[in-house]
Amino acid sequence: MANLLQLKIALRYLRPPIWRRVEVPDTLTFWELHFVLQILFDWQNSHLFEFRQGRGSINDFLTGSPPVLPGDADNMPEWQLDPRETTLDEVLAKPKDKLTYVYDFGDYWEHDIVVEKVIPLAAGHPTPAVRCLTGKRAAPPEDIGGFPGYEQLLDVLAEKAVGKRKRMPAEYAGLGKFDSEEFALAEYNLDLSHLREIVAGENQMLAEYQRQMAANPPPPRPVFDPQALLEAMTAMMQARFPEPLPKPKKPKK
């Protein structure tokens, strides 16, 4: 029997906190939940992601970005699950169950996901739509440099607000009107109402990209050969120093 999960998702390390409360059916896949979080935090789906419990060891739950390029699967942990085939009820079953969502392994935005309520659905009840209930504050802009970069942006905006700064630094160009307190609940729910179409569109683009890569595969990555590297370095040194260096003379007694 399906359940409705009430989740609270908060960005880690940021104060004051940035968080969202959302209702999702536990039949949702983690691939679909990824796009829910992209919508709720205004991310742009331009980086890798993962969901995990624990620290990602072999006995912990782990799923994330599906393989795209040939050979990608070989570079993933053997226990990593496909998010398109793994549903929430396999991991989130009762209140206080927790999960971490990481987006962008450069900025490394960690989201703490906690189950607040589990609401059983009657047999035959239609699957309810994903719905954001409430939340606080705007998420950081994409590619801002993680939470240290975001805190620096807030400092710059504060200086601009009191007249200590007239222009934004080049790295923050276009962010002069960024409102860290904005929370667009109606817009989030409007986008969430199109979740099925958004996921279907992403699936189609992913499949088309994989077809293109299969038809025109990238050149194979060079295999690291330590012996060849040693020989190349030896040849380079011999070219620079063709004659052996003279031995230092012993000092006269």
C-alpha atoms as a PDB file:
ATOM      1  CA  MET A   1       0.000   0.000   0.000  1.00  0.00           C
ATOM      2  CA  ALA A   2       1.366   3.414  -0.973  1.00  0.00           C
ATOM      3  CA  ASN A   3       2.067   6.142   1.546  1.00  0.00           C
ATOM      4  CA  LEU A   4       2.381   9.894   1.398  1.00  0.00           C
ATOM      5  CA  LEU A   5       5.651  11.165   2.860  1.00  0.00           C
ATOM      6  CA  GLN A   6       6.055  14.587   4.401  1.00  0.00           C
ATOM      7  CA  LEU A   7       9.712  15.512   3.997  1.00  0.00           C
ATOM      8  CA  LYS A   8      11.736  18.425   5.289  1.00  0.00           C
ATOM      9  CA  ILE A   9      14.780  19.277   3.191  1.00  0.00           C
ATOM     10  CA  ALA A  10      17.384  21.753   4.435  1.00  0.00           C
ATOM     11  CA  LEU A  11      20.674  22.922   2.977  1.00  0.00           C
ATOM     12  CA  ARG A  12      23.497  22.027   5.317  1.00  0.00           C
ATOM     13  CA  TYR A  13      25.844  24.587   6.961  1.00  0.00           C
ATOM     14  CA  LEU A  14      23.838  27.714   6.054  1.00  0.00           C
ATOM     15  CA  ARG A  15      22.511  30.145   8.662  1.00  0.00           C
ATOM     16  CA  PRO A  16      19.810  31.354   8.693  1.00  0.00           C
ATOM     17  CA  PRO A  17      18.588  28.012   7.361  1.00  0.00           C
ATOM     18  CA  ILE A  18      17.248  27.462   3.843  1.00  0.00           C
ATOM     19  CA  TRP A  19      14.620  24.706   3.839  1.00  0.00           C
ATOM     20  CA  ARG A  20      11.521  23.266   2.166  1.00  0.00           C
ATOM     21  CA  ARG A  21       8.658  21.050   3.378  1.00  0.00           C
ATOM     22  CA  VAL A  22       7.093  18.868   0.707  1.00  0.00           C
ATOM     23  CA  GLU A  23       4.621  15.988   0.331  1.00  0.00           C
ATOM     24  CA  VAL A  24       5.589  13.187  -2.050  1.00  0.00           C
ATOM     25  CA  PRO A  25       4.204   9.678  -2.671  1.00  0.00           C
ATOM     26  CA  ASP A  26       6.668   6.991  -1.629  1.00  0.00           C
ATOM     27  CA  THR A  27       6.219   5.366  -5.047  1.00  0.00           C
ATOM     28  CA  LEU A  28       8.283   8.208  -6.512  1.00  0.00           C
ATOM     29  CA  THR A  29      11.681   7.168  -7.886  1.00  0.00           C
ATOM     30  CA  PHE A  30      14.856   8.870  -6.757  1.00  0.00           C
ATOM     31  CA  TRP A  31      15.271  10.102 -10.323  1.00  0.00           C
ATOM     32  CA  GLU A  32      11.934  11.919  -9.944  1.00  0.00           C
ATOM     33  CA  LEU A  33      12.848  13.170  -6.461  1.00  0.00           C
ATOM     34  CA  HIS A  34      16.018  14.634  -7.935  1.00  0.00           C
ATOM     35  CA  PHE A  35      13.904  16.868 -10.187  1.00  0.00           C
ATOM     36  CA  VAL A  36      11.606  17.774  -7.284  1.00  0.00           C
ATOM     37  CA  LEU A  37      14.635  19.103  -5.424  1.00  0.00           C
ATOM     38  CA  GLN A  38      15.947  20.846  -8.520  1.00  0.00           C
ATOM     39  CA  ILE A  39      12.653  22.733  -8.701  1.00  0.00           C
ATOM     40  CA  LEU A  40      12.403  23.526  -4.993  1.00  0.00           C
ATOM     41  CA  PHE A  41      15.951  24.901  -4.742  1.00  0.00           C
ATOM     42  CA  ASP A  42      16.090  26.587  -8.160  1.00  0.00           C
ATOM     43  CA  TRP A  43      18.975  24.412  -9.322  1.00  0.00           C
ATOM     44  CA  GLN A  44      19.614  24.040 -13.056  1.00  0.00           C
ATOM     45  CA  ASN A  45      20.273  20.296 -13.408  1.00  0.00           C
ATOM     46  CA  SER A  46      23.719  20.980 -14.841  1.00  0.00           C
ATOM     47  CA  HIS A  47      25.812  18.901 -12.412  1.00  0.00           C
ATOM     48  CA  LEU A  48      26.037  15.365 -11.036  1.00  0.00           C
ATOM     49  CA  PHE A  49      24.070  14.327  -7.952  1.00  0.00           C
ATOM     50  CA  GLU A  50      23.727  11.516  -5.444  1.00  0.00           C
ATOM     51  CA  PHE A  51      21.444  10.306  -2.658  1.00  0.00           C
ATOM     52  CA  ARG A  52      23.112   8.436   0.162  1.00  0.00           C
ATOM     53  CA  GLN A  53      22.766   7.136   3.673  1.00  0.00           C
ATOM     54  CA  GLY A  54      25.929   6.928   5.731  1.00  0.00           C
ATOM     55  CA  ARG A  55      29.205   7.789   4.031  1.00  0.00           C
ATOM     56  CA  GLY A  56      28.779   5.780   0.855  1.00  0.00           C
ATOM     57  CA  SER A  57      30.448   2.545   1.966  1.00  0.00           C
ATOM     58  CA  ILE A  58      29.457  -0.804   0.505  1.00  0.00           C
ATOM     59  CA  ASN A  59      26.759  -1.441   3.133  1.00  0.00           C
ATOM     60  CA  ASP A  60      25.140   1.997   2.746  1.00  0.00           C
ATOM     61  CA  PHE A  61      22.381   3.078   0.382  1.00  0.00           C
ATOM     62  CA  LEU A  62      23.701   4.948  -2.650  1.00  0.00           C
ATOM     63  CA  THR A  63      22.116   6.133  -5.877  1.00  0.00           C
ATOM     64  CA  GLY A  64      22.802   9.067  -8.151  1.00  0.00           C
ATOM     65  CA  SER A  65      23.383  10.316 -11.663  1.00  0.00           C
ATOM     66  CA  PRO A  66      22.836   7.448 -14.112  1.00  0.00           C
ATOM     67  CA  PRO A  67      25.692   6.522 -16.476  1.00  0.00           C
ATOM     68  CA  VAL A  68      25.679   8.468 -19.738  1.00  0.00           C
ATOM     69  CA  LEU A  69      28.947   7.901 -21.576  1.00  0.00           C
ATOM     70  CA  PRO A  70      30.284   4.440 -22.466  1.00  0.00           C
ATOM     71  CA  GLY A  71      32.406   3.262 -19.562  1.00  0.00           C
ATOM     72  CA  ASP A  72      30.750   5.551 -16.979  1.00  0.00           C
ATOM     73  CA  ALA A  73      29.234   2.550 -15.202  1.00  0.00           C
ATOM     74  CA  ASP A  74      32.730   1.074 -14.757  1.00  0.00           C
ATOM     75  CA  ASN A  75      33.753   4.117 -12.710  1.00  0.00           C
ATOM     76  CA  MET A  76      30.796   3.883 -10.307  1.00  0.00           C
ATOM     77  CA  PRO A  77      30.684   1.836  -7.085  1.00  0.00           C
ATOM     78  CA  GLU A  78      29.256  -1.622  -7.723  1.00  0.00           C
ATOM     79  CA  TRP A  79      26.566  -1.082  -5.080  1.00  0.00           C
ATOM     80  CA  GLN A  80      25.282   2.191  -6.588  1.00  0.00           C
ATOM     81  CA  LEU A  81      21.649   1.759  -7.633  1.00  0.00           C
ATOM     82  CA  ASP A  82      19.949   3.182 -10.700  1.00  0.00           C
ATOM     83  CA  PRO A  83      17.780   6.138  -9.505  1.00  0.00           C
ATOM     84  CA  ARG A  84      15.277   5.441 -12.291  1.00  0.00           C
ATOM     85  CA  GLU A  85      14.549   1.990 -10.857  1.00  0.00           C
ATOM     86  CA  THR A  86      14.729   2.725  -7.105  1.00  0.00           C
ATOM     87  CA  THR A  87      11.686   4.075  -5.252  1.00  0.00           C
ATOM     88  CA  LEU A  88      11.523   6.077  -2.031  1.00  0.00           C
ATOM     89  CA  ASP A  89       9.721   3.334  -0.091  1.00  0.00           C
ATOM     90  CA  GLU A  90      12.890   1.211  -0.277  1.00  0.00           C
ATOM     91  CA  VAL A  91      14.677   3.673   2.019  1.00  0.00           C
ATOM     92  CA  LEU A  92      12.189   6.121   3.572  1.00  0.00           C
ATOM     93  CA  ALA A  93       9.565   4.155   5.494  1.00  0.00           C
ATOM     94  CA  LYS A  94       9.023   5.808   8.879  1.00  0.00           C
ATOM     95  CA  PRO A  95       9.322   9.167  10.650  1.00  0.00           C
ATOM     96  CA  LYS A  96      12.896  10.326  11.343  1.00  0.00           C
ATOM     97  CA  ASP A  97      14.346   8.268   8.477  1.00  0.00           C
ATOM     98  CA  LYS A  98      17.122  10.377   6.962  1.00  0.00           C
ATOM     99  CA  LEU A  99      18.884  10.754   3.656  1.00  0.00           C
ATOM    100  CA  THR A 100      21.486  13.107   2.181  1.00  0.00           C
ATOM    101  CA  TYR A 101      21.168  14.598  -1.301  1.00  0.00           C
ATOM    102  CA  VAL A 102      24.341  16.056  -2.810  1.00  0.00           C
ATOM    103  CA  TYR A 103      24.166  18.267  -5.886  1.00  0.00           C
ATOM    104  CA  ASP A 104      27.216  19.585  -7.775  1.00  0.00           C
ATOM    105  CA  PHE A 105      30.360  17.821  -6.598  1.00  0.00           C
ATOM    106  CA  GLY A 106      32.284  21.089  -7.025  1.00  0.00           C
ATOM    107  CA  ASP A 107      30.164  23.448  -4.904  1.00  0.00           C
ATOM    108  CA  TYR A 108      29.012  20.329  -3.021  1.00  0.00           C
ATOM    109  CA  TRP A 109      25.560  21.356  -1.853  1.00  0.00           C
ATOM    110  CA  GLU A 110      24.454  18.874   0.816  1.00  0.00           C
ATOM    111  CA  HIS A 111      20.723  18.663   1.534  1.00  0.00           C
ATOM    112  CA  ASP A 112      19.481  16.925   4.693  1.00  0.00           C
ATOM    113  CA  ILE A 113      16.231  15.041   3.993  1.00  0.00           C
ATOM    114  CA  VAL A 114      14.146  13.918   6.992  1.00  0.00           C
ATOM    115  CA  VAL A 115      10.805  12.098   7.029  1.00  0.00           C
ATOM    116  CA  GLU A 116       8.440  14.048   9.301  1.00  0.00           C
ATOM    117  CA  LYS A 117       5.218  12.109   8.648  1.00  0.00           C
ATOM    118  CA  VAL A 118       4.073   8.935   6.901  1.00  0.00           C
ATOM    119  CA  ILE A 119       0.413   9.146   5.826  1.00  0.00           C
ATOM    120  CA  PRO A 120      -1.088   5.829   4.656  1.00  0.00           C
ATOM    121  CA  LEU A 121      -3.230   6.025   1.526  1.00  0.00           C
ATOM    122  CA  ALA A 122      -6.403   3.962   1.210  1.00  0.00           C
ATOM    123  CA  ALA A 123      -6.395   1.127  -1.277  1.00  0.00           C
ATOM    124  CA  GLY A 124      -7.313   2.426  -4.718  1.00  0.00           C
ATOM    125  CA  HIS A 125      -6.612   6.017  -3.712  1.00  0.00           C
ATOM    126  CA  PRO A 126      -5.167   7.941  -6.664  1.00  0.00           C
ATOM    127  CA  THR A 127      -1.507   8.835  -6.297  1.00  0.00           C
ATOM    128  CA  PRO A 128      -1.410  12.406  -4.988  1.00  0.00           C
ATOM    129  CA  ALA A 129       0.649  15.044  -6.752  1.00  0.00           C
ATOM    130  CA  VAL A 130       3.886  16.322  -5.286  1.00  0.00           C
ATOM    131  CA  ARG A 131       3.192  19.493  -3.319  1.00  0.00           C
ATOM    132  CA  CYS A 132       5.393  21.999  -1.507  1.00  0.00           C
ATOM    133  CA  LEU A 133       3.789  23.056   1.781  1.00  0.00           C
ATOM    134  CA  THR A 134       6.131  25.777   2.993  1.00  0.00           C
ATOM    135  CA  GLY A 135       9.756  26.783   3.286  1.00  0.00           C
ATOM    136  CA  LYS A 136      12.141  29.633   3.945  1.00  0.00           C
ATOM    137  CA  ARG A 137      14.521  31.708   1.867  1.00  0.00           C
ATOM    138  CA  ALA A 138      15.915  31.467  -1.629  1.00  0.00           C
ATOM    139  CA  ALA A 139      18.525  28.875  -2.464  1.00  0.00           C
ATOM    140  CA  PRO A 140      22.013  30.093  -3.427  1.00  0.00           C
ATOM    141  CA  PRO A 141      22.723  30.869  -7.082  1.00  0.00           C
ATOM    142  CA  GLU A 142      24.249  28.070  -9.133  1.00  0.00           C
ATOM    143  CA  ASP A 143      28.079  27.846  -9.320  1.00  0.00           C
ATOM    144  CA  ILE A 144      28.590  30.420  -6.561  1.00  0.00           C
ATOM    145  CA  GLY A 145      31.440  28.511  -4.919  1.00  0.00           C
ATOM    146  CA  GLY A 146      29.631  26.497  -2.264  1.00  0.00           C
ATOM    147  CA  PHE A 147      28.528  27.897   1.066  1.00  0.00           C
ATOM    148  CA  PRO A 148      31.708  30.023   1.534  1.00  0.00           C
ATOM    149  CA  GLY A 149      31.059  31.714  -1.813  1.00  0.00           C
ATOM    150  CA  TYR A 150      27.403  32.222  -0.929  1.00  0.00           C
ATOM    151  CA  GLU A 151      28.257  33.822   2.414  1.00  0.00           C
ATOM    152  CA  GLN A 152      30.668  36.146   0.631  1.00  0.00           C
ATOM    153  CA  LEU A 153      27.893  37.095  -1.815  1.00  0.00           C
ATOM    154  CA  LEU A 154      25.614  37.982   1.113  1.00  0.00           C
ATOM    155  CA  ASP A 155      28.366  40.175   2.607  1.00  0.00           C
ATOM    156  CA  VAL A 156      28.779  42.001  -0.716  1.00  0.00           C
ATOM    157  CA  LEU A 157      25.002  42.521  -1.018  1.00  0.00           C
ATOM    158  CA  ALA A 158      24.868  43.865   2.536  1.00  0.00           C
ATOM    159  CA  GLU A 159      27.612  46.380   1.726  1.00  0.00           C
ATOM    160  CA  LYS A 160      25.729  47.443  -1.406  1.00  0.00           C
ATOM    161  CA  ALA A 161      22.486  47.873   0.552  1.00  0.00           C
ATOM    162  CA  VAL A 162      24.044  50.377   2.981  1.00  0.00           C
ATOM    163  CA  GLY A 163      25.921  52.276   0.273  1.00  0.00           C
ATOM    164  CA  LYS A 164      29.431  50.981   1.021  1.00  0.00           C
ATOM    165  CA  ARG A 165      29.673  49.485  -2.443  1.00  0.00           C
ATOM    166  CA  LYS A 166      28.360  50.838  -5.750  1.00  0.00           C
ATOM    167  CA  ARG A 167      29.234  47.984  -8.073  1.00  0.00           C
ATOM    168  CA  MET A 168      29.175  44.227  -7.697  1.00  0.00           C
ATOM    169  CA  PRO A 169      32.503  42.410  -8.169  1.00  0.00           C
ATOM    170  CA  ALA A 170      32.924  40.708 -11.533  1.00  0.00           C
ATOM    171  CA  GLU A 171      32.415  37.230 -10.082  1.00  0.00           C
ATOM    172  CA  TYR A 172      28.948  38.287  -8.860  1.00  0.00           C
ATOM    173  CA  ALA A 173      27.884  40.123 -12.003  1.00  0.00           C
ATOM    174  CA  GLY A 174      24.115  40.051 -12.488  1.00  0.00           C
ATOM    175  CA  LEU A 175      23.386  39.226  -8.831  1.00  0.00           C
ATOM    176  CA  GLY A 176      22.915  42.763  -7.571  1.00  0.00           C
ATOM    177  CA  LYS A 177      19.160  42.230  -7.163  1.00  0.00           C
ATOM    178  CA  PHE A 178      19.381  38.735  -5.655  1.00  0.00           C
ATOM    179  CA  ASP A 179      16.897  38.482  -2.761  1.00  0.00           C
ATOM    180  CA  SER A 180      18.017  35.874  -0.242  1.00  0.00           C
ATOM    181  CA  GLU A 181      14.680  36.072   1.610  1.00  0.00           C
ATOM    182  CA  GLU A 182      12.498  35.284  -1.420  1.00  0.00           C
ATOM    183  CA  PHE A 183      10.417  32.095  -1.295  1.00  0.00           C
ATOM    184  CA  ALA A 184       8.218  31.582  -4.358  1.00  0.00           C
ATOM    185  CA  LEU A 185       5.782  28.918  -3.102  1.00  0.00           C
ATOM    186  CA  ALA A 186       3.205  29.391  -5.881  1.00  0.00           C
ATOM    187  CA  GLU A 187       5.888  29.153  -8.591  1.00  0.00           C
ATOM    188  CA  TYR A 188       7.351  25.985  -7.060  1.00  0.00           C
ATOM    189  CA  ASN A 189       3.964  24.281  -6.985  1.00  0.00           C
ATOM    190  CA  LEU A 190       3.222  25.371 -10.541  1.00  0.00           C
ATOM    191  CA  ASP A 191       6.477  23.772 -11.704  1.00  0.00           C
ATOM    192  CA  LEU A 192       5.815  20.672  -9.584  1.00  0.00           C
ATOM    193  CA  SER A 193       2.454  20.244 -11.314  1.00  0.00           C
ATOM    194  CA  HIS A 194       4.469  19.619 -14.505  1.00  0.00           C
ATOM    195  CA  LEU A 195       6.853  17.150 -12.869  1.00  0.00           C
ATOM    196  CA  ARG A 196       5.808  14.238 -15.071  1.00  0.00           C
ATOM    197  CA  GLU A 197       6.399  16.232 -18.270  1.00  0.00           C
ATOM    198  CA  ILE A 198       9.730  17.542 -16.958  1.00  0.00           C
ATOM    199  CA  VAL A 199      10.997  14.041 -16.154  1.00  0.00           C
ATOM    200  CA  ALA A 200       9.731  12.670 -19.478  1.00  0.00           C
ATOM    201  CA  GLY A 201      11.520  15.456 -21.329  1.00  0.00           C
ATOM    202  CA  GLU A 202      14.769  14.812 -19.461  1.00  0.00           C
ATOM    203  CA  ASN A 203      14.486  11.081 -20.180  1.00  0.00           C
ATOM    204  CA  GLN A 204      14.033  11.800 -23.858  1.00  0.00           C
ATOM    205  CA  MET A 205      17.046  14.139 -23.964  1.00  0.00           C
ATOM    206  CA  LEU A 206      19.178  11.608 -22.080  1.00  0.00           C
ATOM    207  CA  ALA A 207      18.193   8.788 -24.446  1.00  0.00           C
ATOM    208  CA  GLU A 208      18.918  10.964 -27.502  1.00  0.00           C
ATOM    209  CA  TYR A 209      22.309  11.960 -26.107  1.00  0.00           C
ATOM    210  CA  GLN A 210      23.177   8.320 -25.440  1.00  0.00           C
ATOM    211  CA  ARG A 211      22.178   7.414 -29.024  1.00  0.00           C
ATOM    212  CA  GLN A 212      24.418  10.155 -30.372  1.00  0.00           C
ATOM    213  CA  MET A 213      27.334   9.031 -28.227  1.00  0.00           C
ATOM    214  CA  ALA A 214      26.850   5.427 -29.316  1.00  0.00           C
ATOM    215  CA  ALA A 215      26.887   6.504 -32.974  1.00  0.00           C
ATOM    216  CA  ASN A 216      29.912   8.792 -32.491  1.00  0.00           C
ATOM    217  CA  PRO A 217      31.829   7.470 -29.475  1.00  0.00           C
ATOM    218  CA  PRO A 218      34.529   9.693 -27.978  1.00  0.00           C
ATOM    219  CA  PRO A 219      38.164   8.569 -28.398  1.00  0.00           C
ATOM    220  CA  PRO A 220      39.281   6.054 -25.778  1.00  0.00           C
ATOM    221  CA  ARG A 221      40.901   7.496 -22.710  1.00  0.00           C
ATOM    222  CA  PRO A 222      44.656   6.871 -22.598  1.00  0.00           C
ATOM    223  CA  VAL A 223      45.718   4.069 -20.308  1.00  0.00           C
ATOM    224  CA  PHE A 224      48.246   5.113 -17.677  1.00  0.00           C
ATOM    225  CA  ASP A 225      51.548   3.319 -18.298  1.00  0.00           C
ATOM    226  CA  PRO A 226      54.094   3.990 -15.512  1.00  0.00           C
ATOM    227  CA  GLN A 227      56.941   2.361 -17.448  1.00  0.00           C
ATOM    228  CA  ALA A 228      56.310   4.553 -20.501  1.00  0.00           C
ATOM    229  CA  LEU A 229      56.216   7.628 -18.247  1.00  0.00           C
ATOM    230  CA  LEU A 230      59.542   6.675 -16.660  1.00  0.00           C
ATOM    231  CA  GLU A 231      61.141   6.159 -20.065  1.00  0.00           C
ATOM    232  CA  ALA A 232      59.831   9.513 -21.323  1.00  0.00           C
ATOM    233  CA  MET A 233      61.187  11.322 -18.253  1.00  0.00           C
ATOM    234  CA  THR A 234      64.552   9.586 -18.640  1.00  0.00           C
ATOM    235  CA  ALA A 235      64.750  10.598 -22.309  1.00  0.00           C
ATOM    236  CA  MET A 236      63.866  14.192 -21.405  1.00  0.00           C
ATOM    237  CA  MET A 237      66.606  14.345 -18.762  1.00  0.00           C
ATOM    238  CA  GLN A 238      69.166  12.862 -21.150  1.00  0.00           C
ATOM    239  CA  ALA A 239      68.230  15.467 -23.758  1.00  0.00           C
ATOM    240  CA  ARG A 240      68.739  18.283 -21.283  1.00  0.00           C
ATOM    241  CA  PHE A 241      71.922  16.851 -19.779  1.00  0.00           C
ATOM    242  CA  PRO A 242      73.624  14.795 -22.526  1.00  0.00           C
ATOM    243  CA  GLU A 243      76.917  14.625 -20.618  1.00  0.00           C
ATOM    244  CA  PRO A 244      77.142  13.315 -17.066  1.00  0.00           C
ATOM    245  CA  LEU A 245      77.610  16.036 -14.512  1.00  0.00           C
ATOM    246  CA  PRO A 246      81.209  16.321 -13.223  1.00  0.00           C
ATOM    247  CA  LYS A 247      81.847  14.891  -9.813  1.00  0.00           C
ATOM    248  CA  PRO A 248      82.627  17.476  -7.150  1.00  0.00           C
ATOM    249  CA  LYS A 249      86.304  17.741  -6.279  1.00  0.00           C
ATOM    250  CA  LYS A 250      87.415  16.727  -2.832  1.00  0.00           C
ATOM    251  CA  PRO A 251      88.644  19.651  -0.756  1.00  0.00           C
ATOM    252  CA  LYS A 252      92.413  19.804  -0.238  1.00  0.00           C
ATOM    253  CA  LYS A 253      93.650  19.064   3.233  1.00  0.00           C
END
